[in-house]
PDB file of N, CA and C in Angstrom:
ATOM      1  N   MET A   1       1.581  18.990  -5.881  1.00  0.00           N
ATOM      2  CA  MET A   1       3.039  19.133  -5.390  1.00  0.00           C
ATOM      3  C   MET A   1       3.592  18.148  -6.665  1.00  0.00           C
ATOM      4  N   LYS A   2       4.975  18.495  -6.783  1.00  0.00           N
ATOM      5  CA  LYS A   2       5.660  17.872  -8.193  1.00  0.00           C
ATOM      6  C   LYS A   2       7.243  16.378  -7.567  1.00  0.00           C
ATOM      7  N   LYS A   3       6.200  15.218  -8.320  1.00  0.00           N
ATOM      8  CA  LYS A   3       7.518  14.434  -7.408  1.00  0.00           C
ATOM      9  C   LYS A   3       9.205  15.001  -7.838  1.00  0.00           C
ATOM     10  N   GLN A   4       9.438  13.992  -6.953  1.00  0.00           N
ATOM     11  CA  GLN A   4      10.709  14.204  -6.956  1.00  0.00           C
ATOM     12  C   GLN A   4      11.698  13.622  -6.756  1.00  0.00           C
ATOM     13  N   ASN A   5      12.535  12.519  -7.951  1.00  0.00           N
ATOM     14  CA  ASN A   5      13.705  11.778  -7.861  1.00  0.00           C
ATOM     15  C   ASN A   5      14.463  11.704  -7.277  1.00  0.00           C
ATOM     16  N   GLN A   6      14.954  10.076  -5.778  1.00  0.00           N
ATOM     17  CA  GLN A   6      15.779  10.436  -5.113  1.00  0.00           C
ATOM     18  C   GLN A   6      16.552   9.816  -5.575  1.00  0.00           C
ATOM     19  N   SER A   7      17.840   9.432  -4.938  1.00  0.00           N
ATOM     20  CA  SER A   7      18.804   8.476  -4.723  1.00  0.00           C
ATOM     21  C   SER A   7      18.824   7.024  -4.443  1.00  0.00           C
ATOM     22  N   LYS A   8      18.491   6.535  -5.532  1.00  0.00           N
ATOM     23  CA  LYS A   8      18.391   5.125  -4.301  1.00  0.00           C
ATOM     24  C   LYS A   8      19.082   5.084  -3.095  1.00  0.00           C
ATOM     25  N   HIS A   9      17.948   4.364  -2.541  1.00  0.00           N
ATOM     26  CA  HIS A   9      18.394   4.045  -0.848  1.00  0.00           C
ATOM     27  C   HIS A   9      19.023   2.840  -1.252  1.00  0.00           C
ATOM     28  N   THR A  10      20.127   2.990  -0.212  1.00  0.00           N
ATOM     29  CA  THR A  10      20.943   2.011  -0.072  1.00  0.00           C
ATOM     30  C   THR A  10      20.358   1.083   0.445  1.00  0.00           C
ATOM     31  N   LYS A  11      19.848   1.366   1.826  1.00  0.00           N
ATOM     32  CA  LYS A  11      20.031   0.535   3.044  1.00  0.00           C
ATOM     33  C   LYS A  11      18.609   0.872   3.358  1.00  0.00           C
ATOM     34  N   PRO A  12      17.416   0.268   2.965  1.00  0.00           N
ATOM     35  CA  PRO A  12      15.462   0.955   2.576  1.00  0.00           C
ATOM     36  C   PRO A  12      14.971   0.231   3.719  1.00  0.00           C
ATOM     37  N   TYR A  13      15.557  -0.608   3.794  1.00  0.00           N
ATOM     38  CA  TYR A  13      15.334  -1.238   5.428  1.00  0.00           C
ATOM     39  C   TYR A  13      16.254  -1.178   7.697  1.00  0.00           C
ATOM     40  N   GLU A  14      17.001  -0.586   6.787  1.00  0.00           N
ATOM     41  CA  GLU A  14      18.001   0.052   7.996  1.00  0.00           C
ATOM     42  C   GLU A  14      17.466   1.131   8.527  1.00  0.00           C
ATOM     43  N   TRP A  15      17.092   0.773  10.137  1.00  0.00           N
ATOM     44  CA  TRP A  15      16.388   1.497  11.073  1.00  0.00           C
ATOM     45  C   TRP A  15      17.592   2.962  12.270  1.00  0.00           C
ATOM     46  N   SER A  16      16.330   4.172  11.916  1.00  0.00           N
ATOM     47  CA  SER A  16      16.828   4.770  12.981  1.00  0.00           C
ATOM     48  C   SER A  16      15.926   5.789  13.865  1.00  0.00           C
ATOM     49  N   LYS A  17      15.945   5.933  14.785  1.00  0.00           N
ATOM     50  CA  LYS A  17      15.195   6.189  15.463  1.00  0.00           C
ATOM     51  C   LYS A  17      14.348   6.123  15.490  1.00  0.00           C
ATOM     52  N   GLY A  18      13.562   4.337  16.007  1.00  0.00           N
ATOM     53  CA  GLY A  18      12.435   3.958  15.430  1.00  0.00           C
ATOM     54  C   GLY A  18      11.955   4.152  14.461  1.00  0.00           C
ATOM     55  N   THR A  19      12.369   3.533  13.140  1.00  0.00           N
ATOM     56  CA  THR A  19      11.399   3.802  12.146  1.00  0.00           C
ATOM     57  C   THR A  19      12.440   4.140  10.839  1.00  0.00           C
ATOM     58  N   TYR A  20      12.114   3.067   9.370  1.00  0.00           N
ATOM     59  CA  TYR A  20      12.454   3.679   8.623  1.00  0.00           C
ATOM     60  C   TYR A  20      12.458   3.791   6.983  1.00  0.00           C
ATOM     61  N   THR A  21      12.935   3.960   6.237  1.00  0.00           N
ATOM     62  CA  THR A  21      12.169   3.855   5.113  1.00  0.00           C
ATOM     63  C   THR A  21      11.383   3.646   4.759  1.00  0.00           C
ATOM     64  N   ALA A  22       9.595   3.786   4.445  1.00  0.00           N
ATOM     65  CA  ALA A  22       8.940   2.742   4.814  1.00  0.00           C
ATOM     66  C   ALA A  22       8.465   3.006   3.065  1.00  0.00           C
ATOM     67  N   GLY A  23       9.008   4.106   2.628  1.00  0.00           N
ATOM     68  CA  GLY A  23       8.684   3.579   0.357  1.00  0.00           C
ATOM     69  C   GLY A  23       9.354   5.821   0.187  1.00  0.00           C
ATOM     70  N   GLU A  24       9.873   6.124  -0.947  1.00  0.00           N
ATOM     71  CA  GLU A  24      11.041   6.355  -1.923  1.00  0.00           C
ATOM     72  C   GLU A  24      10.822   6.555  -3.443  1.00  0.00           C
ATOM     73  N   ILE A  25      10.911   7.830  -3.999  1.00  0.00           N
ATOM     74  CA  ILE A  25      10.685   7.794  -5.589  1.00  0.00           C
ATOM     75  C   ILE A  25      11.662   7.388  -6.270  1.00  0.00           C
ATOM     76  N   ILE A  26      11.650   6.250  -7.269  1.00  0.00           N
ATOM     77  CA  ILE A  26      12.886   5.847  -8.025  1.00  0.00           C
ATOM     78  C   ILE A  26      12.433   5.859  -9.118  1.00  0.00           C
ATOM     79  N   ASN A  27      12.869   6.586 -10.020  1.00  0.00           N
ATOM     80  CA  ASN A  27      12.209   5.739 -11.591  1.00  0.00           C
ATOM     81  C   ASN A  27      11.122   7.207 -11.818  1.00  0.00           C
ATOM     82  N   ASN A  28      10.240   8.260 -10.770  1.00  0.00           N
ATOM     83  CA  ASN A  28       9.439   8.724 -11.230  1.00  0.00           C
ATOM     84  C   ASN A  28       8.362   8.321 -10.871  1.00  0.00           C
ATOM     85  N   GLU A  29       8.586   6.742 -10.456  1.00  0.00           N
ATOM     86  CA  GLU A  29       7.097   5.725  -8.740  1.00  0.00           C
ATOM     87  C   GLU A  29       7.640   5.289  -8.361  1.00  0.00           C
ATOM     88  N   TRP A  30       6.739   4.973  -7.453  1.00  0.00           N
ATOM     89  CA  TRP A  30       6.986   5.396  -5.822  1.00  0.00           C
ATOM     90  C   TRP A  30       6.993   3.454  -5.460  1.00  0.00           C
ATOM     91  N   ILE A  31       8.536   3.050  -4.772  1.00  0.00           N
ATOM     92  CA  ILE A  31       8.670   2.060  -4.547  1.00  0.00           C
ATOM     93  C   ILE A  31       7.903   2.112  -3.015  1.00  0.00           C
ATOM     94  N   TYR A  32       7.595   0.999  -2.088  1.00  0.00           N
ATOM     95  CA  TYR A  32       7.383   0.752  -0.793  1.00  0.00           C
ATOM     96  C   TYR A  32       8.468   0.098  -0.085  1.00  0.00           C
ATOM     97  N   TYR A  33       8.499  -0.659   0.468  1.00  0.00           N
ATOM     98  CA  TYR A  33       8.818  -1.244   1.716  1.00  0.00           C
ATOM     99  C   TYR A  33       8.516  -1.444   2.719  1.00  0.00           C
ATOM    100  N   ASP A  34       8.356  -3.076   3.090  1.00  0.00           N
ATOM    101  CA  ASP A  34       7.002  -2.996   4.035  1.00  0.00           C
ATOM    102  C   ASP A  34       7.620  -4.472   4.538  1.00  0.00           C
ATOM    103  N   TYR A  35       7.588  -4.933   5.951  1.00  0.00           N
ATOM    104  CA  TYR A  35       7.115  -6.252   6.262  1.00  0.00           C
ATOM    105  C   TYR A  35       6.340  -7.320   6.235  1.00  0.00           C
ATOM    106  N   PHE A  36       6.408  -8.777   6.064  1.00  0.00           N
ATOM    107  CA  PHE A  36       5.184 -10.117   6.270  1.00  0.00           C
ATOM    108  C   PHE A  36       5.532  -9.710   7.312  1.00  0.00           C
ATOM    109  N   GLY A  37       4.270 -10.550   8.340  1.00  0.00           N
ATOM    110  CA  GLY A  37       4.398 -10.756   9.785  1.00  0.00           C
ATOM    111  C   GLY A  37       2.771 -11.538   9.681  1.00  0.00           C
ATOM    112  N   ASN A  38       2.470 -12.361  10.715  1.00  0.00           N
ATOM    113  CA  ASN A  38       1.145 -12.663  11.091  1.00  0.00           C
ATOM    114  C   ASN A  38      -0.353 -12.361  11.698  1.00  0.00           C
ATOM    115  N   SER A  39       0.187 -10.579  11.913  1.00  0.00           N
ATOM    116  CA  SER A  39      -0.310  -9.420  12.163  1.00  0.00           C
ATOM    117  C   SER A  39      -1.317  -9.151  11.957  1.00  0.00           C
ATOM    118  N   ASN A  40      -2.455  -8.736  11.421  1.00  0.00           N
ATOM    119  CA  ASN A  40      -3.514  -8.441  11.158  1.00  0.00           C
ATOM    120  C   ASN A  40      -3.579  -6.983  11.050  1.00  0.00           C
ATOM    121  N   ILE A  41      -2.384  -6.107  11.490  1.00  0.00           N
ATOM    122  CA  ILE A  41      -2.065  -5.124  12.394  1.00  0.00           C
ATOM    123  C   ILE A  41      -0.999  -5.167  11.445  1.00  0.00           C
ATOM    124  N   ALA A  42      -0.777  -3.954  10.650  1.00  0.00           N
ATOM    125  CA  ALA A  42       0.819  -4.244   9.668  1.00  0.00           C
ATOM    126  C   ALA A  42       2.046  -3.532  10.955  1.00  0.00           C
ATOM    127  N   ASP A  43       1.432  -2.263  11.869  1.00  0.00           N
ATOM    128  CA  ASP A  43       2.010  -1.529  11.790  1.00  0.00           C
ATOM    129  C   ASP A  43       2.727  -3.086  13.014  1.00  0.00           C
ATOM    130  N   GLU A  44       2.306  -3.846  13.887  1.00  0.00           N
ATOM    131  CA  GLU A  44       2.867  -4.800  14.555  1.00  0.00           C
ATOM    132  C   GLU A  44       3.580  -5.835  13.721  1.00  0.00           C
ATOM    133  N   ASN A  45       3.968  -6.179  11.631  1.00  0.00           N
ATOM    134  CA  ASN A  45       5.390  -6.929  11.902  1.00  0.00           C
ATOM    135  C   ASN A  45       6.474  -6.043  11.499  1.00  0.00           C
ATOM    136  N   ARG A  46       6.333  -4.699  11.375  1.00  0.00           N
ATOM    137  CA  ARG A  46       6.850  -4.043  11.787  1.00  0.00           C
ATOM    138  C   ARG A  46       7.584  -4.066  12.344  1.00  0.00           C
ATOM    139  N   PHE A  47       9.192  -3.973  12.448  1.00  0.00           N
ATOM    140  CA  PHE A  47       9.606  -4.088  13.465  1.00  0.00           C
ATOM    141  C   PHE A  47      11.474  -4.024  13.559  1.00  0.00           C
ATOM    142  N   GLU A  48      12.409  -3.870  13.478  1.00  0.00           N
ATOM    143  CA  GLU A  48      13.930  -4.207  13.260  1.00  0.00           C
ATOM    144  C   GLU A  48      14.326  -5.472  13.249  1.00  0.00           C
ATOM    145  N   GLU A  49      13.828  -6.899  13.678  1.00  0.00           N
ATOM    146  CA  GLU A  49      14.371  -7.561  13.601  1.00  0.00           C
ATOM    147  C   GLU A  49      13.816  -8.778  12.938  1.00  0.00           C
ATOM    148  N   ASN A  50      12.117  -8.574  12.203  1.00  0.00           N
ATOM    149  CA  ASN A  50      11.510  -8.926  11.572  1.00  0.00           C
ATOM    150  C   ASN A  50      12.257  -9.351   9.552  1.00  0.00           C
ATOM    151  N   GLU A  51      12.878 -10.048   9.406  1.00  0.00           N
ATOM    152  CA  GLU A  51      13.475 -10.309   8.953  1.00  0.00           C
ATOM    153  C   GLU A  51      12.431 -10.865   7.034  1.00  0.00           C
ATOM    154  N   GLN A  52      11.080 -11.424   7.371  1.00  0.00           N
ATOM    155  CA  GLN A  52      10.426 -10.954   6.531  1.00  0.00           C
ATOM    156  C   GLN A  52       9.892 -10.031   5.755  1.00  0.00           C
ATOM    157  N   LYS A  53      10.942  -9.231   5.244  1.00  0.00           N
ATOM    158  CA  LYS A  53      10.491  -8.534   3.620  1.00  0.00           C
ATOM    159  C   LYS A  53      10.230  -8.022   2.691  1.00  0.00           C
ATOM    160  N   PHE A  54       9.809  -7.494   1.718  1.00  0.00           N
ATOM    161  CA  PHE A  54       9.271  -7.508   0.961  1.00  0.00           C
ATOM    162  C   PHE A  54       8.782  -6.391  -0.131  1.00  0.00           C
ATOM    163  N   SER A  55       9.260  -5.656  -0.823  1.00  0.00           N
ATOM    164  CA  SER A  55       9.339  -4.669  -1.413  1.00  0.00           C
ATOM    165  C   SER A  55       8.192  -4.353  -2.261  1.00  0.00           C
ATOM    166  N   TRP A  56       7.564  -3.977  -2.794  1.00  0.00           N
ATOM    167  CA  TRP A  56       5.797  -3.465  -3.586  1.00  0.00           C
ATOM    168  C   TRP A  56       5.521  -2.262  -4.609  1.00  0.00           C
ATOM    169  N   LYS A  57       5.334  -1.879  -4.969  1.00  0.00           N
ATOM    170  CA  LYS A  57       4.583  -0.558  -5.671  1.00  0.00           C
ATOM    171  C   LYS A  57       3.182  -0.443  -6.762  1.00  0.00           C
ATOM    172  N   MET A  58       2.675   0.338  -6.980  1.00  0.00           N
ATOM    173  CA  MET A  58       1.500  -0.002  -7.829  1.00  0.00           C
ATOM    174  C   MET A  58       1.931  -0.813  -9.437  1.00  0.00           C
ATOM    175  N   GLU A  59       0.892  -1.516  -9.749  1.00  0.00           N
ATOM    176  CA  GLU A  59       1.059  -1.673 -11.132  1.00  0.00           C
ATOM    177  C   GLU A  59       1.069  -0.954 -12.097  1.00  0.00           C
ATOM    178  N   GLU A  60       0.517   0.715 -11.792  1.00  0.00           N
ATOM    179  CA  GLU A  60       0.447   1.862 -12.832  1.00  0.00           C
ATOM    180  C   GLU A  60       1.135   2.736 -11.585  1.00  0.00           C
ATOM    181  N   GLU A  61       1.570   3.263 -11.613  1.00  0.00           N
ATOM    182  CA  GLU A  61       2.206   4.899 -11.036  1.00  0.00           C
ATOM    183  C   GLU A  61       0.851   5.524 -11.089  1.00  0.00           C
ATOM    184  N   LYS A  62      -0.569   5.703 -11.711  1.00  0.00           N
ATOM    185  CA  LYS A  62      -1.121   6.965 -10.777  1.00  0.00           C
ATOM    186  C   LYS A  62      -2.752   6.326 -10.727  1.00  0.00           C
ATOM    187  N   PHE A  63      -2.582   4.780  -9.884  1.00  0.00           N
ATOM    188  CA  PHE A  63      -3.332   4.795  -9.448  1.00  0.00           C
ATOM    189  C   PHE A  63      -2.588   4.948  -7.726  1.00  0.00           C
ATOM    190  N   ASN A  64      -1.588   5.473  -7.847  1.00  0.00           N
ATOM    191  CA  ASN A  64      -1.037   5.734  -6.096  1.00  0.00           C
ATOM    192  C   ASN A  64      -2.150   7.400  -5.628  1.00  0.00           C
ATOM    193  N   TYR A  65      -2.203   8.401  -6.435  1.00  0.00           N
ATOM    194  CA  TYR A  65      -3.303   9.091  -6.463  1.00  0.00           C
ATOM    195  C   TYR A  65      -4.611   9.291  -6.985  1.00  0.00           C
ATOM    196  N   TYR A  66      -5.175   8.203  -7.226  1.00  0.00           N
ATOM    197  CA  TYR A  66      -6.799   7.553  -7.179  1.00  0.00           C
ATOM    198  C   TYR A  66      -7.364   7.752  -6.149  1.00  0.00           C
ATOM    199  N   ARG A  67      -8.429   8.348  -5.615  1.00  0.00           N
ATOM    200  CA  ARG A  67      -8.961   8.785  -4.331  1.00  0.00           C
ATOM    201  C   ARG A  67     -10.042   8.200  -4.186  1.00  0.00           C
ATOM    202  N   THR A  68     -10.823   7.310  -5.465  1.00  0.00           N
ATOM    203  CA  THR A  68     -11.657   6.287  -4.811  1.00  0.00           C
ATOM    204  C   THR A  68     -11.506   5.231  -5.974  1.00  0.00           C
ATOM    205  N   LEU A  69     -10.223   4.698  -6.423  1.00  0.00           N
ATOM    206  CA  LEU A  69      -9.858   3.263  -6.346  1.00  0.00           C
ATOM    207  C   LEU A  69      -9.747   2.384  -5.037  1.00  0.00           C
ATOM    208  N   VAL A  70     -10.650   1.513  -5.184  1.00  0.00           N
ATOM    209  CA  VAL A  70     -10.253  -0.019  -3.497  1.00  0.00           C
ATOM    210  C   VAL A  70      -9.192  -0.620  -4.210  1.00  0.00           C
ATOM    211  N   TYR A  71      -8.409  -0.480  -3.856  1.00  0.00           N
ATOM    212  CA  TYR A  71      -7.199  -1.765  -3.444  1.00  0.00           C
ATOM    213  C   TYR A  71      -7.182  -2.723  -4.359  1.00  0.00           C
ATOM    214  N   PHE A  72      -6.741  -3.557  -4.767  1.00  0.00           N
ATOM    215  CA  PHE A  72      -6.927  -5.152  -5.717  1.00  0.00           C
ATOM    216  C   PHE A  72      -5.627  -5.578  -5.804  1.00  0.00           C
ATOM    217  N   PRO A  73      -5.275  -7.228  -5.209  1.00  0.00           N
ATOM    218  CA  PRO A  73      -4.352  -7.872  -6.135  1.00  0.00           C
ATOM    219  C   PRO A  73      -3.999  -7.511  -7.727  1.00  0.00           C
ATOM    220  N   LYS A  74      -4.965  -7.410  -8.276  1.00  0.00           N
ATOM    221  CA  LYS A  74      -4.488  -6.977  -9.445  1.00  0.00           C
ATOM    222  C   LYS A  74      -3.786  -5.346  -9.939  1.00  0.00           C
ATOM    223  N   HIS A  75      -4.172  -4.593  -9.075  1.00  0.00           N
ATOM    224  CA  HIS A  75      -3.003  -3.270  -9.347  1.00  0.00           C
ATOM    225  C   HIS A  75      -1.309  -3.358  -8.033  1.00  0.00           C
ATOM    226  N   ILE A  76      -1.189  -4.318  -7.948  1.00  0.00           N
ATOM    227  CA  ILE A  76      -0.097  -4.303  -6.639  1.00  0.00           C
ATOM    228  C   ILE A  76       1.075  -5.416  -7.665  1.00  0.00           C
ATOM    229  N   SER A  77       2.205  -4.675  -7.790  1.00  0.00           N
ATOM    230  CA  SER A  77       3.564  -5.482  -8.040  1.00  0.00           C
ATOM    231  C   SER A  77       4.507  -6.066  -7.076  1.00  0.00           C
ATOM    232  N   ILE A  78       5.325  -7.058  -6.945  1.00  0.00           N
ATOM    233  CA  ILE A  78       6.072  -7.391  -6.280  1.00  0.00           C
ATOM    234  C   ILE A  78       7.517  -6.600  -6.804  1.00  0.00           C
ATOM    235  N   ILE A  79       7.927  -6.391  -6.695  1.00  0.00           N
ATOM    236  CA  ILE A  79       9.148  -6.180  -6.688  1.00  0.00           C
ATOM    237  C   ILE A  79      10.219  -6.903  -6.254  1.00  0.00           C
ATOM    238  N   LYS A  80      10.367  -6.874  -4.688  1.00  0.00           N
ATOM    239  CA  LYS A  80      11.275  -8.161  -4.055  1.00  0.00           C
ATOM    240  C   LYS A  80      10.769  -8.794  -2.944  1.00  0.00           C
ATOM    241  N   ASN A  81      11.074 -10.076  -3.084  1.00  0.00           N
ATOM    242  CA  ASN A  81      10.675 -10.420  -1.575  1.00  0.00           C
ATOM    243  C   ASN A  81      11.346 -11.439  -1.309  1.00  0.00           C
ATOM    244  N   GLN A  82      11.674 -11.100  -0.339  1.00  0.00           N
ATOM    245  CA  GLN A  82      12.633 -11.809   0.780  1.00  0.00           C
ATOM    246  C   GLN A  82      11.569 -12.930   2.010  1.00  0.00           C
ATOM    247  N   THR A  83      10.065 -12.903   1.921  1.00  0.00           N
ATOM    248  CA  THR A  83       9.099 -13.425   2.805  1.00  0.00           C
ATOM    249  C   THR A  83       9.111 -15.786   2.440  1.00  0.00           C
ATOM    250  N   SER A  84       8.158 -15.507   3.287  1.00  0.00           N
ATOM    251  CA  SER A  84       7.819 -17.637   3.542  1.00  0.00           C
ATOM    252  C   SER A  84       6.464 -17.958   2.414  1.00  0.00           C
ATOM    253  N   THR A  85       6.927 -16.427   1.706  1.00  0.00           N
ATOM    254  CA  THR A  85       5.451 -16.682   1.056  1.00  0.00           C
ATOM    255  C   THR A  85       5.556 -16.204  -0.083  1.00  0.00           C
ATOM    256  N   THR A  86       4.265 -16.676  -1.220  1.00  0.00           N
ATOM    257  CA  THR A  86       4.547 -16.468  -2.609  1.00  0.00           C
ATOM    258  C   THR A  86       4.276 -14.920  -2.806  1.00  0.00           C
ATOM    259  N   ASP A  87       4.497 -14.517  -3.876  1.00  0.00           N
ATOM    260  CA  ASP A  87       4.192 -12.952  -5.023  1.00  0.00           C
ATOM    261  C   ASP A  87       2.290 -13.045  -4.460  1.00  0.00           C
ATOM    262  N   THR A  88       2.015 -13.814  -4.712  1.00  0.00           N
ATOM    263  CA  THR A  88       0.061 -14.339  -4.551  1.00  0.00           C
ATOM    264  C   THR A  88      -0.257 -13.247  -3.684  1.00  0.00           C
ATOM    265  N   GLN A  89       0.092 -14.830  -2.611  1.00  0.00           N
ATOM    266  CA  GLN A  89      -0.642 -14.012  -1.284  1.00  0.00           C
ATOM    267  C   GLN A  89      -0.041 -13.318  -0.627  1.00  0.00           C
ATOM    268  N   LEU A  90       1.477 -12.425  -1.208  1.00  0.00           N
ATOM    269  CA  LEU A  90       1.989 -11.032  -0.255  1.00  0.00           C
ATOM    270  C   LEU A  90       0.595  -9.858  -1.267  1.00  0.00           C
ATOM    271  N   LYS A  91       0.277 -10.203  -2.618  1.00  0.00           N
ATOM    272  CA  LYS A  91      -0.330  -8.767  -2.628  1.00  0.00           C
ATOM    273  C   LYS A  91      -2.066  -9.120  -2.264  1.00  0.00           C
ATOM    274  N   LYS A  92      -2.518  -9.452  -1.891  1.00  0.00           N
ATOM    275  CA  LYS A  92      -3.002 -10.491  -1.040  1.00  0.00           C
ATOM    276  C   LYS A  92      -3.175  -9.820  -0.025  1.00  0.00           C
ATOM    277  N   TYR A  93      -2.183  -9.859   1.171  1.00  0.00           N
ATOM    278  CA  TYR A  93      -1.691  -9.650   2.227  1.00  0.00           C
ATOM    279  C   TYR A  93      -1.725  -7.837   2.112  1.00  0.00           C
ATOM    280  N   VAL A  94      -0.886  -7.217   1.040  1.00  0.00           N
ATOM    281  CA  VAL A  94      -0.664  -5.755   1.080  1.00  0.00           C
ATOM    282  C   VAL A  94      -2.320  -5.141   0.891  1.00  0.00           C
ATOM    283  N   CYS A  95      -3.324  -5.994   0.034  1.00  0.00           N
ATOM    284  CA  CYS A  95      -4.128  -4.740   0.072  1.00  0.00           C
ATOM    285  C   CYS A  95      -4.987  -5.424   1.318  1.00  0.00           C
ATOM    286  N   SER A  96      -4.997  -6.412   2.316  1.00  0.00           N
ATOM    287  CA  SER A  96      -5.728  -6.458   3.195  1.00  0.00           C
ATOM    288  C   SER A  96      -5.081  -6.170   4.206  1.00  0.00           C
ATOM    289  N   VAL A  97      -3.984  -6.065   4.487  1.00  0.00           N
ATOM    290  CA  VAL A  97      -3.021  -5.138   5.792  1.00  0.00           C
ATOM    291  C   VAL A  97      -2.842  -4.314   5.562  1.00  0.00           C
ATOM    292  N   ILE A  98      -1.652  -3.391   5.192  1.00  0.00           N
ATOM    293  CA  ILE A  98      -1.356  -2.786   4.546  1.00  0.00           C
ATOM    294  C   ILE A  98      -2.314  -1.319   4.266  1.00  0.00           C
ATOM    295  N   LEU A  99      -3.265  -2.163   2.884  1.00  0.00           N
ATOM    296  CA  LEU A  99      -4.196  -0.813   2.506  1.00  0.00           C
ATOM    297  C   LEU A  99      -5.384  -1.142   3.274  1.00  0.00           C
ATOM    298  N   LYS A 100      -5.844  -2.011   3.979  1.00  0.00           N
ATOM    299  CA  LYS A 100      -7.567  -1.799   5.399  1.00  0.00           C
ATOM    300  C   LYS A 100      -6.847  -1.225   5.290  1.00  0.00           C
ATOM    301  N   GLU A 101      -6.557   0.855   5.991  1.00  0.00           N
ATOM    302  CA  GLU A 101      -7.965   1.772   6.005  1.00  0.00           C
ATOM    303  C   GLU A 101      -7.579   1.597   4.631  1.00  0.00           C
ATOM    304  N   VAL A 102      -7.266   2.118   4.136  1.00  0.00           N
ATOM    305  CA  VAL A 102      -7.532   3.079   2.868  1.00  0.00           C
ATOM    306  C   VAL A 102      -8.480   2.302   2.233  1.00  0.00           C
ATOM    307  N   ASN A 103      -8.291   1.144   2.095  1.00  0.00           N
ATOM    308  CA  ASN A 103      -9.844   0.920   1.051  1.00  0.00           C
ATOM    309  C   ASN A 103     -10.628   0.712   2.190  1.00  0.00           C
ATOM    310  N   ASP A 104     -11.062   0.466   3.421  1.00  0.00           N
ATOM    311  CA  ASP A 104     -12.178   0.772   4.162  1.00  0.00           C
ATOM    312  C   ASP A 104     -12.684   2.262   3.975  1.00  0.00           C
ATOM    313  N   GLU A 105     -12.048   3.343   4.276  1.00  0.00           N
ATOM    314  CA  GLU A 105     -12.680   4.791   3.871  1.00  0.00           C
ATOM    315  C   GLU A 105     -12.605   4.734   3.079  1.00  0.00           C
ATOM    316  N   THR A 106     -11.892   4.301   1.956  1.00  0.00           N
ATOM    317  CA  THR A 106     -12.424   4.853   0.341  1.00  0.00           C
ATOM    318  C   THR A 106     -14.225   3.950   0.039  1.00  0.00           C
ATOM    319  N   ARG A 107     -14.568   2.939   0.476  1.00  0.00           N
ATOM    320  CA  ARG A 107     -15.546   1.782   0.215  1.00  0.00           C
ATOM    321  C   ARG A 107     -16.097   2.838   0.847  1.00  0.00           C
ATOM    322  N   GLU A 108     -16.057   2.962   1.791  1.00  0.00           N
ATOM    323  CA  GLU A 108     -17.524   4.224   2.427  1.00  0.00           C
ATOM    324  C   GLU A 108     -17.341   5.465   2.135  1.00  0.00           C
ATOM    325  N   ALA A 109     -16.704   6.273   1.161  1.00  0.00           N
ATOM    326  CA  ALA A 109     -16.995   6.902   0.624  1.00  0.00           C
ATOM    327  C   ALA A 109     -17.416   7.326  -1.084  1.00  0.00           C
ATOM    328  N   ASN A 110     -17.027   5.703  -1.498  1.00  0.00           N
ATOM    329  CA  ASN A 110     -17.752   6.059  -2.233  1.00  0.00           C
ATOM    330  C   ASN A 110     -19.227   5.317  -2.487  1.00  0.00           C
ATOM    331  N   ASN A 111     -19.354   4.658  -1.281  1.00  0.00           N
ATOM    332  CA  ASN A 111     -20.937   4.433  -1.117  1.00  0.00           C
ATOM    333  C   ASN A 111     -21.317   5.165  -0.475  1.00  0.00           C
ATOM    334  N   LYS A 112     -21.246   6.261  -0.015  1.00  0.00           N
ATOM    335  CA  LYS A 112     -21.589   7.318  -0.086  1.00  0.00           C
ATOM    336  C   LYS A 112     -22.853   8.178  -0.889  1.00  0.00           C
ATOM    337  N   LYS A 113     -21.019   8.499  -1.746  1.00  0.00           N
ATOM    338  CA  LYS A 113     -21.586   9.254  -2.689  1.00  0.00           C
ATOM    339  C   LYS A 113     -22.530   8.336  -3.468  1.00  0.00           C
ATOM    340  N   ARG A 114     -22.775   7.199  -3.433  1.00  0.00           N
ATOM    341  CA  ARG A 114     -23.706   5.948  -4.369  1.00  0.00           C
ATOM    342  C   ARG A 114     -24.711   6.302  -3.739  1.00  0.00           C
ATOM    343  N   ARG A 115     -24.379   6.587  -2.183  1.00  0.00           N
ATOM    344  CA  ARG A 115     -26.334   6.984  -1.297  1.00  0.00           C
ATOM    345  C   ARG A 115     -26.842   8.424  -2.484  1.00  0.00           C
ATOM    346  N   LYS A 116     -26.527   8.803  -2.051  1.00  0.00           N
ATOM    347  CA  LYS A 116     -26.538  10.000  -2.401  1.00  0.00           C
ATOM    348  C   LYS A 116     -27.225  10.547  -3.303  1.00  0.00           C
ATOM    349  N   HIS A 117     -26.312  10.082  -4.690  1.00  0.00           N
ATOM    350  CA  HIS A 117     -26.931  10.339  -5.422  1.00  0.00           C
ATOM    351  C   HIS A 117     -27.829   9.286  -5.873  1.00  0.00           C
ATOM    352  N   GLU A 118     -28.130   7.956  -5.498  1.00  0.00           N
ATOM    353  CA  GLU A 118     -29.607   7.204  -5.664  1.00  0.00           C
ATOM    354  C   GLU A 118     -30.306   7.784  -4.874  1.00  0.00           C
ATOM    355  N   MET A 119     -30.610   8.965  -4.093  1.00  0.00           N
ATOM    356  CA  MET A 119     -31.015   9.613  -2.798  1.00  0.00           C
ATOM    357  C   MET A 119     -32.201  10.413  -4.155  1.00  0.00           C
ATOM    358  N   SER A 120     -31.353  11.732  -5.090  1.00  0.00           N
ATOM    359  CA  SER A 120     -31.065  12.975  -5.362  1.00  0.00           C
ATOM    360  C   SER A 120     -31.988  11.587  -7.014  1.00  0.00           C
ATOM    361  N   ARG A 121     -32.219  10.950  -7.578  1.00  0.00           N
ATOM    362  CA  ARG A 121     -32.583  10.654  -8.186  1.00  0.00           C
ATOM    363  C   ARG A 121     -33.886   9.821  -8.355  1.00  0.00           C
ATOM    364  N   MET A 122     -34.679  10.225  -7.023  1.00  0.00           N
ATOM    365  CA  MET A 122     -35.937   9.295  -6.480  1.00  0.00           C
ATOM    366  C   MET A 122     -36.621  10.434  -6.816  1.00  0.00           C
ATOM    367  N   PRO A 123     -37.933   9.293  -6.742  1.00  0.00           N
ATOM    368  CA  PRO A 123     -39.356  10.991  -7.186  1.00  0.00           C
ATOM    369  C   PRO A 123     -39.923  11.015  -6.407  1.00  0.00           C
ATOM    370  N   ARG A 124     -40.289  12.332  -6.137  1.00  0.00           N
ATOM    371  CA  ARG A 124     -40.566  13.080  -4.532  1.00  0.00           C
ATOM    372  C   ARG A 124     -42.209  12.855  -4.648  1.00  0.00           C
TER     373      ARG A 124
END
């Protein structure tokens, strides 16, 4: 699927029918909009009244499409920080809360592949 640029969203956090624009492509880059909070479950921090907003992107656009990469703070770039925390802490939050499920699935798939490869190399 070819990426298509969209016009810049004027109000990315504007809620409509219980949801908001969580990401868009601007200048051929994915930009993500999210909310910071105390919960370790990202969806519990996403609500209209939450004023702790931030936007972020991958350090390199190609990281959005990698299937074996476990994301770490070094892979994240904070664009706008309207939270009570630092950019460094926000990058950790993105990896440990927002991308937790993706990271866990990737880790498991990588480990499974590694175990399978190791088993095929064992002498019989």
